[in-house]
Amino acid sequence: MNSGASGSHWKVPFNRSSLQGRELDYIMETIGVGQIAGNQTFSRKCQELLEQTLQIKKSLLTTSCTHALEMAAMLLKIQPGEEVIVPDFTFVSTPNAFALHGARPVFCDIRPDTLNLDESKLDSLITPLTRAIVPVHYAGVGCELDAILEIAARRQIAVIEDNAHGLFGKYKGRWLGTFGDMAAQSFHETKNLTCGEGGALLLNDPKYIERAEIIREKGTNRARFFRGQVDKYSWVDLGSSYVMSDVLAAFLYGQLEEWPRIQANRKRRWELYHRELAGWASLHGIRQPVFPSHCDPAWHMYYLILPAPEARQSLILHLQANDILAVFHYQPLHRSEYAISRWGESPPKPVSDYVSDRILRLPLFNSMTDSEQGLVIDALLRFNPAGSRTIS
């Protein structure tokens, strides 16, 4: 899906990593004082920035968003045979983190407007075996959290926000990632703020904090030892090595310091695409992204939904001919080889199927120039999909 997405041979790549602040200064600083392992000065700085900005109980940096989700599964003590509801249109990490512990993912179709988990279908998917709902804030637009949280509370089910796309986005004036029992963040190279590979677990319920620290430190109470709360540390629970290197944390802190400027720049790029492509998209039955008025997006991606799979493929080739790389996105999980072989056929997911066959993500990255974005817009305006039709 993303092969070559950040390749330098494209005039306009899909993604390009870039320095945004004092990343290199901080890397040299942490190396200079010999702090290259995890959970040291810059890890703490990142965690404190997230905690203070988002007003959450605890933030723990991890080696990836996938590992943050795995920690969430361990904190919930997921058992074989239990069920976790996830959107059908998401990355495999969302269900895989729970399936690793024997849970069965239950795939929920998505809304046709925001492409988020369709909260109206949740009640019908919940069984006595359901342990958690894992909404994904697709493209950084908040799910309908009021409805999801009401259902979860009524049915006594945990909510884990997969907020890989949504850092610094808001739902009804409140930060995404602060609604569920916990949330997983991504700092992968394609995200708004990055350190190449990395993530964070946000804990909104203090009852999870001590055990989360233990799980992240290989099942030891090492964190308590370093705080002087115990005179030695030992193996006290199951866990793994989920701690991010302070070298990566130093890079990440250089980006996090600049988050308001980065978000403002991405918003400007997003809005320029939206404005300049509106007439062309309407003329050819191409759907642009939408978000409810009560959501403030994280401006993570800009996508188009073409009227037919053939039109999408034609547009990909047209952009490639103009030295521009645009890429599609997830394949529906219910159609995946592993899910079918493990849990059998799932009921149809018509919206997920429709979107997956037609969505195209446009280049959008922090160092994108006016000239680069102009090339993309100009190439799109010269494209006329044959046989276009209005998307329902």
Protein backbone atom coordinates (compact mmCIF):
# COMPACT_ATOMS: atom_id res chain seq x y z
CA MET A 1 0.00 0.00 0.00
CA ASN A 2 2.76 2.44 0.91
CA SER A 3 5.71 1.04 -1.00
CA GLY A 4 7.94 3.93 -1.95
CA ALA A 5 5.62 6.35 -0.19
CA SER A 6 8.53 8.47 1.00
CA GLY A 7 10.85 7.71 -1.89
CA SER A 8 12.98 10.66 -2.94
CA HIS A 9 12.77 9.89 -6.66
CA TRP A 10 9.27 11.39 -6.92
CA LYS A 11 8.91 15.08 -7.72
CA VAL A 12 6.12 15.04 -5.13
CA PRO A 13 6.29 11.97 -2.86
CA PHE A 14 3.35 10.84 -0.77
CA ASN A 15 5.30 11.56 2.40
CA ARG A 16 8.66 13.13 3.26
CA SER A 17 10.10 13.13 6.76
CA SER A 18 11.67 16.42 7.84
CA LEU A 19 13.22 18.30 10.72
CA GLN A 20 10.80 20.74 12.32
CA GLY A 21 12.71 22.10 15.30
CA ARG A 22 15.70 21.23 17.47
CA GLU A 23 15.64 17.47 16.87
CA LEU A 24 19.35 17.14 16.03
CA ASP A 25 20.42 19.38 18.91
CA TYR A 26 18.49 17.21 21.35
CA ILE A 27 19.88 13.98 19.89
CA MET A 28 23.42 15.28 20.34
CA GLU A 29 22.56 16.42 23.87
CA THR A 30 21.25 13.02 24.95
CA ILE A 31 24.21 11.21 23.36
CA GLY A 32 26.58 13.68 24.99
CA VAL A 33 25.36 12.81 28.47
CA GLY A 34 25.22 9.09 27.69
CA GLN A 35 21.45 8.73 27.78
CA ILE A 36 20.61 6.54 24.80
CA ALA A 37 18.51 3.87 26.55
CA GLY A 38 14.85 4.46 27.35
CA ASN A 39 12.83 6.31 29.95
CA GLN A 40 15.39 9.05 30.53
CA THR A 41 15.43 12.85 30.21
CA PHE A 42 13.79 13.30 26.81
CA SER A 43 11.31 10.49 27.32
CA ARG A 44 10.15 12.26 30.46
CA LYS A 45 10.01 15.61 28.65
CA CYS A 46 7.78 14.12 25.92
CA GLN A 47 5.53 12.45 28.45
CA GLU A 48 5.19 15.60 30.53
CA LEU A 49 4.37 17.68 27.45
CA LEU A 50 1.62 15.25 26.46
CA GLU A 51 0.25 15.04 29.99
CA GLN A 52 0.17 18.81 30.47
CA THR A 53 -1.22 19.64 27.04
CA LEU A 54 -3.88 16.92 26.96
CA GLN A 55 -4.56 17.09 30.70
CA ILE A 56 -4.34 13.32 31.16
CA LYS A 57 -3.31 11.17 34.10
CA LYS A 58 -0.27 9.48 32.50
CA SER A 59 1.56 9.17 29.20
CA LEU A 60 4.07 6.39 28.51
CA LEU A 61 6.23 6.43 25.38
CA THR A 62 6.41 3.10 23.56
CA THR A 63 8.31 1.67 20.62
CA SER A 64 5.18 1.87 18.42
CA CYS A 65 1.44 2.46 18.45
CA THR A 66 1.10 -1.30 17.91
CA HIS A 67 2.93 -1.91 21.19
CA ALA A 68 0.75 0.64 22.97
CA LEU A 69 -2.29 -1.34 21.81
CA GLU A 70 -0.66 -4.58 22.98
CA MET A 71 -0.14 -3.00 26.39
CA ALA A 72 -3.82 -2.02 26.43
CA ALA A 73 -4.79 -5.64 25.78
CA MET A 74 -2.56 -6.78 28.65
CA LEU A 75 -3.96 -4.12 30.99
CA LEU A 76 -7.48 -5.34 30.25
CA LYS A 77 -6.32 -8.94 30.88
CA ILE A 78 -7.85 -10.07 27.60
CA GLN A 79 -8.48 -13.82 27.62
CA PRO A 80 -8.81 -16.38 24.78
CA GLY A 81 -12.31 -16.46 23.36
CA GLU A 82 -13.24 -12.93 24.40
CA GLU A 83 -14.30 -10.39 21.78
CA VAL A 84 -13.12 -6.91 20.86
CA ILE A 85 -15.05 -4.68 18.43
CA VAL A 86 -12.90 -2.83 15.88
CA PRO A 87 -13.70 -0.93 12.68
CA ASP A 88 -13.42 -3.04 9.54
CA PHE A 89 -11.48 -0.25 7.83
CA THR A 90 -8.30 0.13 9.87
CA PHE A 91 -4.71 -1.07 10.03
CA VAL A 92 -4.12 -4.65 11.13
CA SER A 93 -2.46 -3.52 14.37
CA THR A 94 -5.85 -2.54 15.81
CA PRO A 95 -7.23 -6.10 15.95
CA ASN A 96 -3.89 -7.90 16.02
CA ALA A 97 -2.92 -6.48 19.44
CA PHE A 98 -5.92 -8.23 20.97
CA ALA A 99 -5.85 -11.34 18.78
CA LEU A 100 -2.33 -12.01 20.10
CA HIS A 101 -4.00 -12.75 23.45
CA GLY A 102 -6.60 -15.03 21.92
CA ALA A 103 -9.39 -12.51 21.46
CA ARG A 104 -11.70 -12.64 18.48
CA PRO A 105 -11.97 -9.31 16.63
CA VAL A 106 -15.51 -8.39 15.66
CA PHE A 107 -15.46 -6.15 12.60
CA CYS A 108 -17.84 -3.19 12.53
CA ASP A 109 -18.69 -1.39 9.29
CA ILE A 110 -17.84 2.31 8.99
CA ARG A 111 -19.86 5.46 8.51
CA PRO A 112 -20.13 6.65 4.89
CA ASP A 113 -19.35 10.25 5.88
CA THR A 114 -16.33 10.29 8.23
CA LEU A 115 -15.22 6.68 7.52
CA ASN A 116 -15.15 6.10 11.29
CA LEU A 117 -16.63 3.13 13.12
CA ASP A 118 -20.42 3.24 12.70
CA GLU A 119 -21.67 3.63 16.25
CA SER A 120 -25.24 2.79 15.19
CA LYS A 121 -24.16 -0.82 14.61
CA LEU A 122 -22.43 -1.36 17.97
CA ASP A 123 -25.36 -2.62 20.05
CA SER A 124 -26.06 -5.43 17.59
CA LEU A 125 -22.42 -6.59 17.71
CA ILE A 126 -22.06 -6.76 21.49
CA THR A 127 -22.31 -10.18 23.16
CA PRO A 128 -21.58 -11.43 26.69
CA LEU A 129 -18.01 -12.06 25.48
CA THR A 130 -17.34 -8.45 24.40
CA ARG A 131 -14.56 -6.85 26.46
CA ALA A 132 -13.71 -3.67 24.56
CA ILE A 133 -14.59 -1.29 21.76
CA VAL A 134 -11.61 0.17 19.87
CA PRO A 135 -12.70 3.21 17.83
CA VAL A 136 -10.17 4.60 15.34
CA HIS A 137 -10.31 8.34 14.64
CA TYR A 138 -9.80 7.99 10.90
CA ALA A 139 -7.82 10.79 9.23
CA GLY A 140 -7.79 12.58 12.60
CA VAL A 141 -11.57 13.15 12.71
CA GLY A 142 -13.19 12.13 15.98
CA CYS A 143 -15.61 9.22 16.14
CA GLU A 144 -19.06 9.86 17.64
CA LEU A 145 -17.69 9.41 21.12
CA ASP A 146 -20.80 10.40 23.07
CA ALA A 147 -22.74 7.50 21.58
CA ILE A 148 -19.82 5.06 21.84
CA LEU A 149 -19.13 5.90 25.48
CA GLU A 150 -22.83 5.67 26.39
CA ILE A 151 -23.09 2.20 24.86
CA ALA A 152 -19.85 1.08 26.50
CA ALA A 153 -20.92 2.32 29.93
CA ARG A 154 -24.36 0.75 29.63
CA ARG A 155 -22.87 -2.59 28.58
CA GLN A 156 -19.87 -2.31 30.97
CA ILE A 157 -17.27 -2.51 28.21
CA ALA A 158 -13.89 -0.75 28.04
CA VAL A 159 -13.12 1.83 25.34
CA ILE A 160 -9.60 1.97 23.91
CA GLU A 161 -9.07 4.85 21.47
CA ASP A 162 -6.78 4.04 18.55
CA ASN A 163 -5.67 7.62 18.11
CA ALA A 164 -2.85 6.95 15.64
CA HIS A 165 -4.23 9.63 13.30
CA GLY A 166 -5.73 11.99 15.83
CA LEU A 167 -3.17 13.62 18.12
CA PHE A 168 -4.21 17.25 18.80
CA GLY A 169 -7.58 16.77 17.15
CA LYS A 170 -10.71 17.47 19.20
CA TYR A 171 -14.25 16.18 19.66
CA LYS A 172 -16.67 18.77 21.08
CA GLY A 173 -13.75 20.86 22.32
CA ARG A 174 -11.93 18.02 24.07
CA TRP A 175 -8.71 16.35 22.91
CA LEU A 176 -8.97 13.02 21.13
CA GLY A 177 -7.27 10.30 23.15
CA THR A 178 -8.72 11.57 26.44
CA PHE A 179 -12.15 9.91 26.29
CA GLY A 180 -11.53 6.17 26.60
CA ASP A 181 -10.03 4.19 29.45
CA MET A 182 -6.79 4.56 27.50
CA ALA A 183 -5.56 5.54 24.04
CA ALA A 184 -2.75 4.57 21.69
CA GLN A 185 -0.71 7.16 19.76
CA SER A 186 1.59 6.73 16.76
CA PHE A 187 4.78 8.62 15.95
CA HIS A 188 5.49 6.65 12.76
CA GLU A 189 7.19 8.53 9.93
CA THR A 190 3.85 9.14 8.16
CA LYS A 191 2.24 10.86 11.16
CA ASN A 192 2.01 14.60 11.84
CA LEU A 193 4.62 14.34 14.60
CA THR A 194 7.20 11.63 14.26
CA CYS A 195 10.43 10.03 15.38
CA GLY A 196 10.44 7.43 12.60
CA GLU A 197 9.03 4.60 14.71
CA GLY A 198 7.34 5.18 18.03
CA GLY A 199 4.13 5.50 19.98
CA ALA A 200 2.58 6.27 23.33
CA LEU A 201 -0.02 4.86 25.65
CA LEU A 202 -2.26 7.51 27.20
CA LEU A 203 -3.86 6.45 30.48
CA ASN A 204 -7.04 8.27 31.48
CA ASP A 205 -7.88 5.96 34.39
CA PRO A 206 -5.26 6.05 37.17
CA LYS A 207 -5.97 2.45 38.17
CA TYR A 208 -3.94 1.29 35.15
CA ILE A 209 -0.82 3.40 35.73
CA GLU A 210 1.28 1.19 38.03
CA ARG A 211 0.68 -2.01 36.08
CA ALA A 212 1.28 -0.21 32.76
CA GLU A 213 4.73 0.83 34.00
CA ILE A 214 5.44 -2.79 34.96
CA ILE A 215 4.26 -4.21 31.62
CA ARG A 216 6.36 -1.67 29.70
CA GLU A 217 9.46 -2.63 31.73
CA LYS A 218 9.46 -6.36 30.92
CA GLY A 219 7.17 -7.22 33.83
CA THR A 220 9.46 -5.67 36.46
CA ASN A 221 8.84 -2.90 39.01
CA ARG A 222 11.89 -1.06 37.67
CA ALA A 223 10.03 2.26 37.46
CA ARG A 224 9.30 2.14 41.20
CA PHE A 225 12.95 1.32 41.88
CA PHE A 226 14.16 4.37 39.96
CA ARG A 227 11.74 6.54 41.93
CA GLY A 228 13.22 5.17 45.17
CA GLN A 229 9.97 3.44 46.16
CA VAL A 230 11.63 0.01 46.47
CA ASP A 231 15.25 -0.92 47.20
CA LYS A 232 15.47 -3.42 44.32
CA TYR A 233 13.37 -4.46 41.40
CA SER A 234 12.31 -7.92 40.28
CA TRP A 235 9.93 -9.82 38.02
CA VAL A 236 6.41 -9.15 39.30
CA ASP A 237 4.13 -9.61 36.25
CA LEU A 238 4.09 -10.40 32.56
CA GLY A 239 5.43 -7.73 30.25
CA SER A 240 7.76 -6.96 27.40
CA SER A 241 10.31 -4.39 26.22
CA TYR A 242 8.09 -1.53 25.13
CA VAL A 243 10.34 1.41 26.16
CA MET A 244 11.37 3.91 23.47
CA SER A 245 15.08 4.81 23.21
CA ASP A 246 15.86 8.30 24.49
CA VAL A 247 17.57 9.03 21.16
CA LEU A 248 14.19 8.68 19.45
CA ALA A 249 12.53 10.56 22.30
CA ALA A 250 14.97 13.43 21.77
CA PHE A 251 13.96 13.61 18.11
CA LEU A 252 10.29 13.39 19.08
CA TYR A 253 10.58 16.17 21.65
CA GLY A 254 11.98 18.46 18.97
CA GLN A 255 8.79 17.83 17.00
CA LEU A 256 6.36 17.98 19.92
CA GLU A 257 7.69 21.41 20.88
CA GLU A 258 6.57 22.62 17.46
CA TRP A 259 3.14 20.98 17.42
CA PRO A 260 1.05 24.18 17.14
CA ARG A 261 3.01 25.36 14.10
CA ILE A 262 2.99 21.89 12.50
CA GLN A 263 -0.76 21.54 12.96
CA ALA A 264 -1.42 25.04 11.61
CA ASN A 265 0.66 24.31 8.51
CA ARG A 266 -1.13 21.01 7.86
CA LYS A 267 -4.50 22.71 8.29
CA ARG A 268 -3.51 25.29 5.67
CA ARG A 269 -2.46 22.56 3.23
CA TRP A 270 -5.64 20.55 3.89
CA GLU A 271 -7.88 23.57 3.36
CA LEU A 272 -6.09 24.55 0.17
CA TYR A 273 -6.73 21.09 -1.31
CA HIS A 274 -10.35 21.27 -0.20
CA ARG A 275 -10.98 24.70 -1.66
CA GLU A 276 -9.10 24.32 -4.95
CA LEU A 277 -10.51 20.87 -5.75
CA ALA A 278 -14.14 21.49 -4.78
CA GLY A 279 -15.51 22.40 -8.22
CA TRP A 280 -13.53 19.71 -10.04
CA ALA A 281 -14.56 17.03 -7.54
CA SER A 282 -18.23 17.97 -7.75
CA LEU A 283 -18.16 17.95 -11.56
CA HIS A 284 -16.75 14.43 -11.72
CA GLY A 285 -18.61 12.76 -8.86
CA ILE A 286 -15.50 12.63 -6.67
CA ARG A 287 -16.13 12.88 -2.94
CA GLN A 288 -13.97 15.05 -0.71
CA PRO A 289 -13.47 14.47 3.04
CA VAL A 290 -16.12 15.68 5.45
CA PHE A 291 -16.15 16.21 9.18
CA PRO A 292 -18.92 17.23 11.60
CA SER A 293 -18.98 20.78 12.93
CA HIS A 294 -18.36 19.46 16.45
CA CYS A 295 -15.02 17.97 15.40
CA ASP A 296 -11.71 19.80 15.05
CA PRO A 297 -9.61 17.46 12.90
CA ALA A 298 -5.94 16.69 13.39
CA TRP A 299 -5.39 17.40 9.66
CA HIS A 300 -3.64 14.08 9.28
CA MET A 301 -4.53 13.23 5.68
CA TYR A 302 -6.40 14.47 2.64
CA TYR A 303 -8.18 11.86 0.57
CA LEU A 304 -10.56 11.56 -2.36
CA ILE A 305 -13.18 8.88 -2.97
CA LEU A 306 -13.42 8.15 -6.68
CA PRO A 307 -16.69 7.07 -8.33
CA ALA A 308 -15.30 3.66 -9.35
CA PRO A 309 -12.21 1.49 -8.77
CA GLU A 310 -11.20 1.96 -12.40
CA ALA A 311 -11.29 5.73 -11.99
CA ARG A 312 -9.01 5.49 -8.98
CA GLN A 313 -6.49 3.39 -10.86
CA SER A 314 -6.58 5.81 -13.79
CA LEU A 315 -5.96 8.72 -11.44
CA ILE A 316 -3.04 6.95 -9.74
CA LEU A 317 -1.42 6.39 -13.14
CA HIS A 318 -2.16 9.96 -14.22
CA LEU A 319 -0.45 11.33 -11.11
CA GLN A 320 2.49 8.97 -11.52
CA ALA A 321 2.91 10.23 -15.09
CA ASN A 322 3.24 13.68 -13.52
CA ASP A 323 5.86 12.37 -11.05
CA ILE A 324 3.42 12.48 -8.12
CA LEU A 325 2.81 9.58 -5.76
CA ALA A 326 -0.69 9.12 -4.31
CA VAL A 327 -1.66 5.89 -2.55
CA PHE A 328 -4.77 4.01 -1.51
CA HIS A 329 -5.31 2.70 2.02
CA TYR A 330 -6.57 -0.23 4.10
CA GLN A 331 -8.05 -3.43 2.78
CA PRO A 332 -11.23 -4.45 4.66
CA LEU A 333 -10.25 -6.67 7.58
CA HIS A 334 -13.22 -8.99 7.18
CA ARG A 335 -11.87 -9.96 3.74
CA SER A 336 -8.32 -10.60 4.95
CA GLU A 337 -6.83 -14.05 4.45
CA TYR A 338 -5.93 -14.47 8.12
CA ALA A 339 -9.30 -13.39 9.52
CA ILE A 340 -11.18 -15.76 7.25
CA SER A 341 -8.84 -18.68 7.99
CA ARG A 342 -9.02 -18.06 11.75
CA TRP A 343 -12.62 -16.98 12.39
CA GLY A 344 -14.43 -17.77 9.15
CA GLU A 345 -16.46 -15.57 6.84
CA SER A 346 -17.90 -12.35 8.27
CA PRO A 347 -21.14 -10.66 7.25
CA PRO A 348 -20.73 -8.09 4.44
CA LYS A 349 -19.40 -4.64 5.27
CA PRO A 350 -20.72 -2.64 2.30
CA VAL A 351 -19.35 0.79 3.24
CA SER A 352 -15.89 -0.52 4.09
CA ASP A 353 -15.80 -2.47 0.82
CA TYR A 354 -16.95 0.54 -1.19
CA VAL A 355 -14.48 2.97 0.35
CA SER A 356 -11.51 0.60 0.21
CA ASP A 357 -11.91 0.14 -3.54
CA ARG A 358 -12.16 3.87 -4.27
CA ILE A 359 -10.17 5.92 -1.74
CA LEU A 360 -7.00 7.73 -2.76
CA ARG A 361 -4.75 9.67 -0.36
CA LEU A 362 -2.97 12.74 -1.69
CA PRO A 363 0.54 13.88 -0.73
CA LEU A 364 0.47 15.83 2.54
CA PHE A 365 3.58 16.29 4.69
CA ASN A 366 5.10 18.87 6.99
CA SER A 367 7.78 20.13 4.59
CA MET A 368 5.48 20.32 1.56
CA THR A 369 6.03 23.52 -0.41
CA ASP A 370 3.50 25.71 -2.19
CA SER A 371 5.10 24.63 -5.46
CA GLU A 372 4.73 20.92 -4.68
CA GLN A 373 1.12 21.24 -3.64
CA GLY A 374 0.46 23.37 -6.72
CA LEU A 375 1.79 20.57 -8.94
CA VAL A 376 -0.61 18.09 -7.32
CA ILE A 377 -3.61 20.38 -7.66
CA ASP A 378 -2.78 21.27 -11.26
CA ALA A 379 -2.43 17.58 -12.20
CA LEU A 380 -5.74 16.73 -10.54
CA LEU A 381 -7.61 19.53 -12.29
CA ARG A 382 -6.41 18.15 -15.62
CA PHE A 383 -7.83 14.69 -14.88
CA ASN A 384 -11.22 13.68 -16.24
CA PRO A 385 -12.33 10.23 -15.02
CA ALA A 386 -14.13 8.38 -17.78
CA GLY A 387 -17.66 7.28 -16.97
CA SER A 388 -17.82 9.11 -13.66
CA ARG A 389 -20.98 8.94 -11.59
CA THR A 390 -22.26 10.52 -8.42
CA ILE A 391 -21.24 8.74 -5.22
CA SER A 392 -24.20 7.85 -3.07
